[in-house]
N, C-alpha and C. Protein backbone atom coordinates (compact mmCIF):
# COMPACT_ATOMS: atom_id res chain seq x y z
N MET A 1 0.85 -1.18 0.00
CA MET A 1 0.00 0.00 0.00
C MET A 1 0.89 1.25 0.00
N ALA A 2 0.57 2.22 -0.83
CA ALA A 2 1.35 3.45 -0.95
C ALA A 2 1.23 4.29 0.31
N SER A 3 2.23 5.13 0.51
CA SER A 3 2.29 5.98 1.70
C SER A 3 1.02 6.83 1.87
N GLU A 4 0.53 7.45 0.78
CA GLU A 4 -0.68 8.28 0.87
C GLU A 4 -1.91 7.45 1.20
N GLU A 5 -1.96 6.22 0.69
CA GLU A 5 -3.09 5.34 1.01
C GLU A 5 -3.09 4.96 2.49
N ILE A 6 -1.90 4.71 3.03
CA ILE A 6 -1.78 4.36 4.45
C ILE A 6 -2.21 5.54 5.31
N LYS A 7 -1.76 6.74 4.95
CA LYS A 7 -2.15 7.94 5.70
C LYS A 7 -3.67 8.14 5.66
N ARG A 8 -4.24 8.00 4.45
CA ARG A 8 -5.69 8.17 4.30
C ARG A 8 -6.43 7.16 5.15
N LYS A 9 -5.95 5.91 5.14
CA LYS A 9 -6.60 4.86 5.93
C LYS A 9 -6.56 5.21 7.42
N MET A 10 -5.42 5.69 7.90
CA MET A 10 -5.31 6.04 9.32
C MET A 10 -6.23 7.20 9.69
N ILE A 11 -6.38 8.16 8.79
CA ILE A 11 -7.30 9.28 9.03
C ILE A 11 -8.73 8.76 9.12
N GLU A 12 -9.12 7.92 8.16
CA GLU A 12 -10.49 7.40 8.16
C GLU A 12 -10.75 6.50 9.36
N VAL A 13 -9.76 5.69 9.74
CA VAL A 13 -9.89 4.83 10.91
C VAL A 13 -10.05 5.68 12.17
N THR A 14 -9.29 6.76 12.26
CA THR A 14 -9.39 7.64 13.43
C THR A 14 -10.79 8.26 13.51
N LYS A 15 -11.32 8.70 12.38
CA LYS A 15 -12.69 9.23 12.36
C LYS A 15 -13.68 8.17 12.85
N SER A 16 -13.52 6.96 12.36
CA SER A 16 -14.42 5.87 12.73
C SER A 16 -14.32 5.56 14.23
N LEU A 17 -13.11 5.51 14.76
CA LEU A 17 -12.92 5.25 16.19
C LEU A 17 -13.59 6.32 17.05
N LEU A 18 -13.53 7.57 16.58
CA LEU A 18 -14.12 8.67 17.34
C LEU A 18 -15.64 8.63 17.33
N HIS A 19 -16.23 7.87 16.40
CA HIS A 19 -17.68 7.63 16.43
C HIS A 19 -18.03 6.70 17.59
N GLU A 20 -17.09 5.82 17.92
CA GLU A 20 -17.35 4.77 18.90
C GLU A 20 -16.89 5.12 20.32
N LYS A 21 -15.81 5.92 20.42
CA LYS A 21 -15.19 6.15 21.73
C LYS A 21 -14.96 7.63 21.97
N ALA A 22 -15.01 8.01 23.23
CA ALA A 22 -14.77 9.41 23.61
C ALA A 22 -13.28 9.74 23.57
N SER A 23 -12.46 8.74 23.80
CA SER A 23 -11.03 8.97 23.85
C SER A 23 -10.34 7.78 23.20
N ILE A 24 -9.35 8.04 22.38
CA ILE A 24 -8.63 6.96 21.72
C ILE A 24 -7.13 7.13 21.92
N THR A 25 -6.43 6.01 21.84
CA THR A 25 -4.98 6.03 22.00
C THR A 25 -4.31 5.81 20.65
N ILE A 26 -3.04 6.08 20.62
CA ILE A 26 -2.28 5.83 19.39
C ILE A 26 -2.29 4.33 19.07
N LYS A 27 -2.32 3.50 20.12
CA LYS A 27 -2.40 2.04 19.91
C LYS A 27 -3.73 1.66 19.28
N ASP A 28 -4.83 2.29 19.71
CA ASP A 28 -6.14 2.03 19.10
C ASP A 28 -6.09 2.31 17.60
N ILE A 29 -5.51 3.44 17.25
CA ILE A 29 -5.42 3.84 15.84
C ILE A 29 -4.56 2.85 15.06
N ALA A 30 -3.39 2.51 15.62
CA ALA A 30 -2.48 1.59 14.95
C ALA A 30 -3.13 0.21 14.76
N ASP A 31 -3.75 -0.32 15.83
CA ASP A 31 -4.38 -1.64 15.74
C ASP A 31 -5.50 -1.66 14.71
N ALA A 32 -6.35 -0.65 14.73
CA ALA A 32 -7.49 -0.61 13.79
C ALA A 32 -7.03 -0.37 12.35
N SER A 33 -5.85 0.23 12.19
CA SER A 33 -5.30 0.49 10.83
C SER A 33 -4.40 -0.64 10.36
N TYR A 34 -4.16 -1.62 11.22
CA TYR A 34 -3.26 -2.74 10.92
C TYR A 34 -1.85 -2.26 10.59
N VAL A 35 -1.37 -1.31 11.40
CA VAL A 35 0.01 -0.84 11.30
C VAL A 35 0.58 -0.83 12.72
N ASN A 36 1.89 -0.63 12.81
CA ASN A 36 2.45 -0.51 14.15
C ASN A 36 2.41 0.95 14.60
N ILE A 37 2.62 1.15 15.88
CA ILE A 37 2.53 2.50 16.46
C ILE A 37 3.53 3.44 15.78
N ALA A 38 4.69 2.93 15.44
CA ALA A 38 5.72 3.76 14.79
C ALA A 38 5.22 4.33 13.46
N ALA A 39 4.33 3.60 12.79
CA ALA A 39 3.80 4.07 11.49
C ALA A 39 2.97 5.33 11.66
N VAL A 40 2.22 5.42 12.75
CA VAL A 40 1.43 6.63 13.01
C VAL A 40 2.36 7.82 13.17
N ASN A 41 3.40 7.63 13.98
CA ASN A 41 4.37 8.71 14.19
C ASN A 41 5.15 9.02 12.90
N TYR A 42 5.46 8.00 12.13
CA TYR A 42 6.21 8.20 10.89
C TYR A 42 5.41 9.05 9.90
N HIS A 43 4.14 8.73 9.74
CA HIS A 43 3.31 9.42 8.75
C HIS A 43 2.79 10.78 9.21
N PHE A 44 2.60 10.95 10.52
CA PHE A 44 1.98 12.19 11.02
C PHE A 44 2.84 12.98 12.01
N GLY A 45 3.88 12.34 12.53
CA GLY A 45 4.72 13.03 13.50
C GLY A 45 4.28 12.77 14.93
N SER A 46 2.97 12.71 15.15
CA SER A 46 2.42 12.43 16.48
C SER A 46 0.93 12.18 16.36
N LYS A 47 0.37 11.63 17.40
CA LYS A 47 -1.08 11.43 17.45
C LYS A 47 -1.79 12.77 17.39
N GLU A 48 -1.23 13.78 18.07
CA GLU A 48 -1.85 15.11 18.11
C GLU A 48 -1.95 15.71 16.71
N LYS A 49 -0.92 15.51 15.88
CA LYS A 49 -0.95 16.05 14.51
C LYS A 49 -1.99 15.30 13.67
N LEU A 50 -2.10 14.00 13.87
CA LEU A 50 -3.13 13.22 13.18
C LEU A 50 -4.52 13.70 13.61
N MET A 51 -4.71 13.88 14.91
CA MET A 51 -6.01 14.34 15.41
C MET A 51 -6.35 15.73 14.87
N ALA A 52 -5.35 16.60 14.75
CA ALA A 52 -5.59 17.94 14.22
C ALA A 52 -6.07 17.86 12.77
N ILE A 53 -5.50 16.95 11.99
CA ILE A 53 -5.92 16.75 10.59
C ILE A 53 -7.36 16.24 10.56
N VAL A 54 -7.67 15.28 11.41
CA VAL A 54 -9.03 14.72 11.48
C VAL A 54 -10.03 15.81 11.86
N LEU A 55 -9.71 16.60 12.88
CA LEU A 55 -10.59 17.69 13.29
C LEU A 55 -10.84 18.64 12.13
N GLU A 56 -9.77 19.02 11.45
CA GLU A 56 -9.88 19.96 10.33
C GLU A 56 -10.78 19.39 9.22
N GLU A 57 -10.58 18.12 8.88
CA GLU A 57 -11.39 17.50 7.82
C GLU A 57 -12.87 17.41 8.21
N VAL A 58 -13.14 17.01 9.43
CA VAL A 58 -14.53 16.85 9.86
C VAL A 58 -15.23 18.21 9.91
N ILE A 59 -14.53 19.22 10.41
CA ILE A 59 -15.12 20.57 10.44
C ILE A 59 -15.37 21.06 9.02
N ASP A 60 -14.44 20.81 8.11
CA ASP A 60 -14.63 21.21 6.70
C ASP A 60 -15.84 20.50 6.08
N GLU A 61 -16.00 19.21 6.38
CA GLU A 61 -17.16 18.46 5.87
C GLU A 61 -18.46 19.04 6.41
N LEU A 62 -18.47 19.36 7.70
CA LEU A 62 -19.65 19.94 8.33
C LEU A 62 -19.99 21.28 7.70
N LYS A 63 -18.99 22.13 7.54
CA LYS A 63 -19.22 23.45 6.94
C LYS A 63 -19.69 23.32 5.50
N ALA A 64 -19.14 22.37 4.76
CA ALA A 64 -19.55 22.17 3.36
C ALA A 64 -21.02 21.78 3.29
N TYR A 65 -21.46 20.89 4.19
CA TYR A 65 -22.86 20.48 4.19
C TYR A 65 -23.76 21.67 4.51
N VAL A 66 -23.43 22.40 5.58
CA VAL A 66 -24.25 23.54 5.99
C VAL A 66 -24.29 24.59 4.88
N SER A 67 -23.14 24.89 4.29
CA SER A 67 -23.08 25.88 3.20
C SER A 67 -23.92 25.44 2.02
N GLN A 68 -23.82 24.17 1.66
CA GLN A 68 -24.58 23.63 0.52
C GLN A 68 -26.07 23.74 0.78
N GLU A 69 -26.50 23.38 1.99
CA GLU A 69 -27.92 23.45 2.33
C GLU A 69 -28.43 24.88 2.22
N ILE A 70 -27.65 25.83 2.68
CA ILE A 70 -28.07 27.23 2.63
C ILE A 70 -28.07 27.73 1.19
N LEU A 71 -27.07 27.34 0.41
CA LEU A 71 -26.96 27.81 -0.97
C LEU A 71 -28.05 27.25 -1.88
N ILE A 72 -28.48 26.01 -1.61
CA ILE A 72 -29.48 25.39 -2.50
C ILE A 72 -30.90 25.56 -1.98
N SER A 73 -31.08 26.39 -0.99
CA SER A 73 -32.38 26.47 -0.32
C SER A 73 -33.31 27.54 -0.87
N HIS A 74 -33.08 27.99 -2.09
CA HIS A 74 -33.87 29.10 -2.63
C HIS A 74 -35.37 28.81 -2.66
N GLU A 75 -35.75 27.55 -2.85
CA GLU A 75 -37.17 27.24 -2.94
C GLU A 75 -37.82 26.99 -1.58
N LYS A 76 -37.03 26.92 -0.51
CA LYS A 76 -37.57 26.70 0.83
C LYS A 76 -37.52 28.00 1.63
N PRO A 77 -38.45 28.17 2.58
CA PRO A 77 -38.35 29.33 3.47
C PRO A 77 -37.05 29.23 4.30
N VAL A 78 -36.38 30.35 4.49
CA VAL A 78 -35.08 30.35 5.16
C VAL A 78 -35.18 29.82 6.58
N ASP A 79 -36.27 30.12 7.30
CA ASP A 79 -36.38 29.63 8.67
C ASP A 79 -36.47 28.10 8.70
N LEU A 80 -37.11 27.50 7.69
CA LEU A 80 -37.17 26.04 7.60
C LEU A 80 -35.77 25.48 7.33
N VAL A 81 -35.03 26.15 6.46
CA VAL A 81 -33.66 25.71 6.16
C VAL A 81 -32.81 25.77 7.42
N LEU A 82 -32.90 26.88 8.16
CA LEU A 82 -32.13 27.01 9.40
C LEU A 82 -32.50 25.91 10.40
N GLU A 83 -33.78 25.62 10.49
CA GLU A 83 -34.23 24.56 11.39
C GLU A 83 -33.65 23.21 10.97
N GLU A 84 -33.65 22.94 9.67
CA GLU A 84 -33.08 21.68 9.16
C GLU A 84 -31.58 21.62 9.40
N VAL A 85 -30.89 22.75 9.23
CA VAL A 85 -29.45 22.80 9.46
C VAL A 85 -29.14 22.54 10.94
N ILE A 86 -29.90 23.18 11.82
CA ILE A 86 -29.67 22.97 13.26
C ILE A 86 -29.92 21.51 13.63
N ASP A 87 -30.99 20.92 13.09
CA ASP A 87 -31.28 19.51 13.35
C ASP A 87 -30.12 18.63 12.86
N TYR A 88 -29.60 18.94 11.66
CA TYR A 88 -28.46 18.19 11.13
C TYR A 88 -27.25 18.32 12.05
N LEU A 89 -26.99 19.55 12.54
CA LEU A 89 -25.86 19.78 13.43
C LEU A 89 -25.97 18.94 14.70
N TYR A 90 -27.18 18.83 15.25
CA TYR A 90 -27.36 18.00 16.43
C TYR A 90 -27.11 16.53 16.11
N LYS A 91 -27.66 16.05 15.02
CA LYS A 91 -27.43 14.65 14.65
C LYS A 91 -25.94 14.40 14.43
N PHE A 92 -25.28 15.33 13.74
CA PHE A 92 -23.85 15.23 13.51
C PHE A 92 -23.10 15.17 14.84
N ALA A 93 -23.46 16.07 15.74
CA ALA A 93 -22.77 16.15 17.04
C ALA A 93 -22.96 14.88 17.85
N LEU A 94 -24.18 14.35 17.87
CA LEU A 94 -24.43 13.13 18.64
C LEU A 94 -23.70 11.93 18.05
N ASP A 95 -23.47 11.96 16.75
CA ASP A 95 -22.71 10.89 16.09
C ASP A 95 -21.21 11.06 16.27
N ASN A 96 -20.79 12.24 16.70
CA ASN A 96 -19.36 12.54 16.78
C ASN A 96 -18.95 13.05 18.16
N LEU A 97 -19.54 12.47 19.21
CA LEU A 97 -19.24 12.93 20.56
C LEU A 97 -17.75 12.76 20.91
N GLY A 98 -17.14 11.71 20.43
CA GLY A 98 -15.70 11.52 20.68
C GLY A 98 -14.88 12.64 20.06
N LEU A 99 -15.21 12.99 18.85
CA LEU A 99 -14.51 14.08 18.17
C LEU A 99 -14.74 15.40 18.90
N LEU A 100 -15.97 15.65 19.33
CA LEU A 100 -16.28 16.88 20.05
C LEU A 100 -15.59 16.92 21.41
N ASN A 101 -15.41 15.76 22.02
CA ASN A 101 -14.66 15.70 23.26
C ASN A 101 -13.24 16.24 23.03
N TYR A 102 -12.62 15.80 21.94
CA TYR A 102 -11.27 16.30 21.61
C TYR A 102 -11.31 17.78 21.27
N LEU A 103 -12.34 18.20 20.57
CA LEU A 103 -12.43 19.58 20.14
C LEU A 103 -12.63 20.53 21.32
N PHE A 104 -13.49 20.17 22.26
CA PHE A 104 -13.85 21.08 23.34
C PHE A 104 -13.17 20.80 24.67
N LEU A 105 -12.93 19.54 25.01
CA LEU A 105 -12.50 19.23 26.37
C LEU A 105 -11.12 18.62 26.50
N SER A 106 -10.56 18.11 25.45
CA SER A 106 -9.29 17.40 25.55
C SER A 106 -8.13 18.36 25.79
N ASP A 107 -7.29 17.98 26.73
CA ASP A 107 -6.07 18.74 26.97
C ASP A 107 -5.06 18.51 25.85
N GLU A 108 -5.14 17.34 25.20
CA GLU A 108 -4.18 16.98 24.15
C GLU A 108 -4.16 18.00 23.01
N LEU A 109 -5.34 18.49 22.65
CA LEU A 109 -5.44 19.36 21.47
C LEU A 109 -5.95 20.75 21.82
N GLN A 110 -5.73 21.19 23.04
CA GLN A 110 -6.28 22.46 23.49
C GLN A 110 -5.95 23.61 22.54
N LYS A 111 -4.69 23.76 22.20
CA LYS A 111 -4.27 24.87 21.34
C LYS A 111 -4.88 24.74 19.94
N GLU A 112 -4.78 23.54 19.36
CA GLU A 112 -5.29 23.32 18.01
C GLU A 112 -6.81 23.47 17.95
N SER A 113 -7.51 22.92 18.96
CA SER A 113 -8.97 22.96 18.91
C SER A 113 -9.50 24.36 19.12
N SER A 114 -8.87 25.13 20.01
CA SER A 114 -9.29 26.52 20.20
C SER A 114 -9.09 27.30 18.91
N GLY A 115 -7.95 27.09 18.29
CA GLY A 115 -7.67 27.77 17.03
C GLY A 115 -8.64 27.37 15.93
N ALA A 116 -8.99 26.08 15.89
CA ALA A 116 -9.94 25.61 14.86
C ALA A 116 -11.31 26.24 15.05
N LEU A 117 -11.77 26.32 16.30
CA LEU A 117 -13.07 26.94 16.56
C LEU A 117 -13.08 28.39 16.11
N MET A 118 -12.05 29.14 16.48
CA MET A 118 -11.97 30.56 16.11
C MET A 118 -11.89 30.72 14.59
N LYS A 119 -11.01 29.95 13.98
CA LYS A 119 -10.78 30.07 12.53
C LYS A 119 -12.04 29.74 11.73
N HIS A 120 -12.70 28.65 12.09
CA HIS A 120 -13.83 28.19 11.28
C HIS A 120 -15.15 28.87 11.59
N PHE A 121 -15.37 29.22 12.86
CA PHE A 121 -16.71 29.66 13.25
C PHE A 121 -16.80 31.11 13.72
N PHE A 122 -15.67 31.76 13.97
CA PHE A 122 -15.76 33.14 14.47
C PHE A 122 -14.93 34.15 13.71
N SER A 123 -14.07 33.71 12.82
CA SER A 123 -13.33 34.69 12.02
C SER A 123 -14.20 35.14 10.85
N ASP A 124 -13.81 36.21 10.22
CA ASP A 124 -14.54 36.70 9.05
C ASP A 124 -14.14 35.84 7.86
N ASN A 125 -14.97 34.88 7.52
CA ASN A 125 -14.66 33.98 6.40
C ASN A 125 -15.94 33.72 5.60
N ALA A 126 -15.80 33.01 4.51
CA ALA A 126 -16.94 32.77 3.61
C ALA A 126 -18.09 32.07 4.35
N PHE A 127 -17.76 31.13 5.23
CA PHE A 127 -18.79 30.38 5.95
C PHE A 127 -19.58 31.30 6.88
N THR A 128 -18.89 32.08 7.72
CA THR A 128 -19.61 32.95 8.65
C THR A 128 -20.39 34.02 7.90
N GLN A 129 -19.85 34.51 6.79
CA GLN A 129 -20.58 35.51 5.99
C GLN A 129 -21.87 34.91 5.43
N LEU A 130 -21.80 33.66 5.01
CA LEU A 130 -22.99 32.97 4.49
C LEU A 130 -24.04 32.81 5.60
N ILE A 131 -23.59 32.47 6.80
CA ILE A 131 -24.51 32.34 7.93
C ILE A 131 -25.15 33.70 8.25
N TYR A 132 -24.32 34.76 8.29
CA TYR A 132 -24.85 36.11 8.56
C TYR A 132 -25.89 36.50 7.52
N LYS A 133 -25.61 36.19 6.27
CA LYS A 133 -26.54 36.54 5.19
C LYS A 133 -27.87 35.79 5.37
N SER A 134 -27.77 34.51 5.72
CA SER A 134 -28.98 33.71 5.94
C SER A 134 -29.76 34.22 7.15
N LEU A 135 -29.03 34.54 8.24
CA LEU A 135 -29.70 35.10 9.42
C LEU A 135 -30.37 36.42 9.11
N SER A 136 -29.70 37.25 8.32
CA SER A 136 -30.26 38.55 7.95
C SER A 136 -31.56 38.37 7.17
N LYS A 137 -31.53 37.40 6.26
CA LYS A 137 -32.71 37.13 5.45
C LYS A 137 -33.86 36.61 6.32
N THR A 138 -33.54 35.76 7.29
CA THR A 138 -34.56 35.19 8.17
C THR A 138 -35.14 36.22 9.12
N THR A 139 -34.26 37.03 9.71
CA THR A 139 -34.68 37.94 10.78
C THR A 139 -34.98 39.36 10.30
N GLN A 140 -34.61 39.66 9.04
CA GLN A 140 -34.77 41.01 8.50
C GLN A 140 -33.87 42.03 9.21
N ILE A 141 -32.84 41.56 9.87
CA ILE A 141 -31.89 42.43 10.57
C ILE A 141 -30.73 42.73 9.63
N THR A 142 -30.37 44.01 9.55
CA THR A 142 -29.24 44.39 8.69
C THR A 142 -28.05 44.92 9.49
N ASN A 143 -28.29 45.25 10.76
CA ASN A 143 -27.21 45.75 11.61
C ASN A 143 -26.19 44.64 11.86
N GLU A 144 -24.93 44.89 11.49
CA GLU A 144 -23.88 43.87 11.57
C GLU A 144 -23.66 43.36 13.00
N LYS A 145 -23.65 44.26 13.96
CA LYS A 145 -23.42 43.86 15.36
C LYS A 145 -24.58 43.01 15.89
N GLU A 146 -25.79 43.36 15.49
CA GLU A 146 -26.95 42.57 15.92
C GLU A 146 -26.91 41.18 15.28
N LEU A 147 -26.50 41.11 14.02
CA LEU A 147 -26.36 39.81 13.36
C LEU A 147 -25.30 38.96 14.06
N GLN A 148 -24.17 39.60 14.42
CA GLN A 148 -23.12 38.86 15.13
C GLN A 148 -23.65 38.34 16.46
N ALA A 149 -24.43 39.18 17.17
CA ALA A 149 -25.01 38.76 18.45
C ALA A 149 -25.94 37.57 18.24
N ARG A 150 -26.75 37.60 17.19
CA ARG A 150 -27.66 36.48 16.90
C ARG A 150 -26.87 35.21 16.57
N TYR A 151 -25.79 35.40 15.82
CA TYR A 151 -24.95 34.25 15.46
C TYR A 151 -24.35 33.61 16.72
N VAL A 152 -23.83 34.44 17.62
CA VAL A 152 -23.25 33.92 18.87
C VAL A 152 -24.33 33.24 19.70
N LEU A 153 -25.53 33.81 19.72
CA LEU A 153 -26.66 33.19 20.42
C LEU A 153 -26.97 31.82 19.81
N LEU A 154 -27.02 31.77 18.49
CA LEU A 154 -27.28 30.51 17.79
C LEU A 154 -26.19 29.49 18.11
N PHE A 155 -24.93 29.93 18.01
CA PHE A 155 -23.80 29.04 18.29
C PHE A 155 -23.85 28.55 19.74
N SER A 156 -24.15 29.45 20.67
CA SER A 156 -24.24 29.08 22.09
C SER A 156 -25.37 28.10 22.33
N SER A 157 -26.51 28.34 21.71
CA SER A 157 -27.67 27.45 21.87
C SER A 157 -27.34 26.05 21.39
N PHE A 158 -26.47 25.98 20.40
CA PHE A 158 -26.05 24.69 19.87
C PHE A 158 -25.00 24.05 20.78
N CYS A 159 -24.09 24.86 21.32
CA CYS A 159 -22.97 24.32 22.10
C CYS A 159 -23.31 23.88 23.51
N ILE A 160 -24.19 24.61 24.18
CA ILE A 160 -24.47 24.29 25.59
C ILE A 160 -24.92 22.84 25.78
N PRO A 161 -25.91 22.36 25.00
CA PRO A 161 -26.30 20.95 25.19
C PRO A 161 -25.18 19.99 24.84
N LEU A 162 -24.33 20.37 23.88
CA LEU A 162 -23.22 19.48 23.52
C LEU A 162 -22.20 19.42 24.64
N PHE A 163 -21.95 20.55 25.30
CA PHE A 163 -21.07 20.53 26.46
C PHE A 163 -21.62 19.60 27.53
N LEU A 164 -22.95 19.64 27.73
CA LEU A 164 -23.57 18.73 28.70
C LEU A 164 -23.33 17.28 28.31
N GLN A 165 -23.50 16.99 27.03
CA GLN A 165 -23.30 15.61 26.56
C GLN A 165 -21.85 15.16 26.74
N ILE A 166 -20.93 15.97 26.24
CA ILE A 166 -19.54 15.50 26.24
C ILE A 166 -18.87 15.64 27.61
N SER A 167 -19.41 16.48 28.49
CA SER A 167 -18.82 16.60 29.82
C SER A 167 -19.02 15.32 30.62
N GLN A 168 -19.95 14.48 30.18
CA GLN A 168 -20.14 13.18 30.83
C GLN A 168 -18.86 12.35 30.80
N PHE A 169 -18.04 12.56 29.75
CA PHE A 169 -16.82 11.78 29.60
C PHE A 169 -15.82 12.05 30.74
N LYS A 170 -15.90 13.23 31.34
CA LYS A 170 -14.95 13.63 32.37
C LYS A 170 -15.37 13.23 33.78
N LEU A 171 -16.62 12.76 33.92
CA LEU A 171 -17.11 12.42 35.25
C LEU A 171 -16.51 11.11 35.74
N ILE A 172 -16.23 11.04 37.04
CA ILE A 172 -15.72 9.81 37.64
C ILE A 172 -16.78 8.72 37.55
N THR A 173 -18.02 9.07 37.89
CA THR A 173 -19.15 8.16 37.73
C THR A 173 -20.02 8.72 36.61
N PRO A 174 -19.88 8.18 35.39
CA PRO A 174 -20.62 8.75 34.25
C PRO A 174 -22.13 8.77 34.47
N MET A 175 -22.74 9.87 34.05
CA MET A 175 -24.19 10.00 34.07
C MET A 175 -24.65 10.01 32.62
N LYS A 176 -25.74 9.36 32.36
CA LYS A 176 -26.25 9.32 30.99
C LYS A 176 -27.29 10.42 30.83
N ILE A 177 -27.02 11.38 29.96
CA ILE A 177 -27.99 12.43 29.66
C ILE A 177 -28.56 12.11 28.28
N GLU A 178 -29.76 11.60 28.26
CA GLU A 178 -30.35 11.09 27.03
C GLU A 178 -31.21 12.11 26.29
N MET A 179 -31.48 13.28 26.89
CA MET A 179 -32.48 14.17 26.33
C MET A 179 -32.21 14.56 24.88
N PHE A 180 -30.95 14.74 24.50
CA PHE A 180 -30.69 15.18 23.13
C PHE A 180 -30.73 14.03 22.12
N PHE A 181 -30.81 12.80 22.63
CA PHE A 181 -31.03 11.67 21.73
C PHE A 181 -32.53 11.47 21.48
N ASP A 182 -33.35 12.12 22.28
CA ASP A 182 -34.81 12.01 22.16
C ASP A 182 -35.28 12.96 21.06
N PRO A 183 -35.83 12.44 19.95
CA PRO A 183 -36.23 13.29 18.82
C PRO A 183 -37.27 14.35 19.20
N GLU A 184 -38.19 14.01 20.10
CA GLU A 184 -39.22 14.98 20.49
C GLU A 184 -38.59 16.15 21.27
N PHE A 185 -37.70 15.81 22.21
CA PHE A 185 -37.02 16.87 22.96
C PHE A 185 -36.21 17.76 22.01
N ARG A 186 -35.45 17.12 21.11
CA ARG A 186 -34.61 17.88 20.18
C ARG A 186 -35.46 18.79 19.31
N SER A 187 -36.58 18.28 18.83
CA SER A 187 -37.47 19.09 18.01
C SER A 187 -37.97 20.31 18.77
N ASN A 188 -38.39 20.11 20.03
CA ASN A 188 -38.85 21.23 20.85
C ASN A 188 -37.72 22.22 21.14
N TYR A 189 -36.54 21.70 21.37
CA TYR A 189 -35.38 22.57 21.65
C TYR A 189 -35.06 23.43 20.43
N ILE A 190 -35.07 22.82 19.26
CA ILE A 190 -34.77 23.57 18.02
C ILE A 190 -35.84 24.61 17.75
N LYS A 191 -37.10 24.27 17.99
CA LYS A 191 -38.17 25.26 17.83
C LYS A 191 -37.97 26.43 18.78
N GLY A 192 -37.52 26.14 20.00
CA GLY A 192 -37.23 27.19 20.95
C GLY A 192 -36.10 28.10 20.47
N ILE A 193 -35.06 27.50 19.89
CA ILE A 193 -33.96 28.30 19.35
C ILE A 193 -34.48 29.19 18.23
N MET A 194 -35.32 28.62 17.37
CA MET A 194 -35.84 29.40 16.23
C MET A 194 -36.68 30.59 16.73
N LYS A 195 -37.41 30.40 17.83
CA LYS A 195 -38.18 31.52 18.38
C LYS A 195 -37.24 32.62 18.89
N LEU A 196 -36.12 32.22 19.49
CA LEU A 196 -35.14 33.21 19.95
C LEU A 196 -34.53 33.97 18.77
N MET A 197 -34.39 33.29 17.65
CA MET A 197 -33.78 33.93 16.49
C MET A 197 -34.72 34.93 15.87
């Protein structure tokens, strides 16, 4: 297998492991990729560098989906599109709790994950501009500062329940918080967010 194929396989295996577990080791990655631990370090330099690549790819995939939904939504009411996007984000988050644990709570990637959040979701970039434009269309607000405040409110409304979910990983005696897996609760929560918007 070529070097690029091995790297790609390790990236995909890492993504898959993060669907299953809140925390993974370099040995987990090596075993699931059918390589030795040295191969992970050889191809990526460290587990942290591999995880940073995985985080970047998953965030890019998420942003591409959200951007595509907003761009192709001309025939749907914008508030319905926003509701569908928020629902997708929750489903995505619940499927990727291990990844979100690394993004928000892991000490291993603190610097990289903080930078990724700022770069992708809070800097002035094509994605945030698209979100602002969609929010402006939905709310009829044109004031830039008010749109930014709404965006932060939307982002916070999305993040708080996820922090509750992933903070379970840090507890000595884990507690199961099932509310966001409940479709009826999630639907009511999203409707509440839409009313705030």
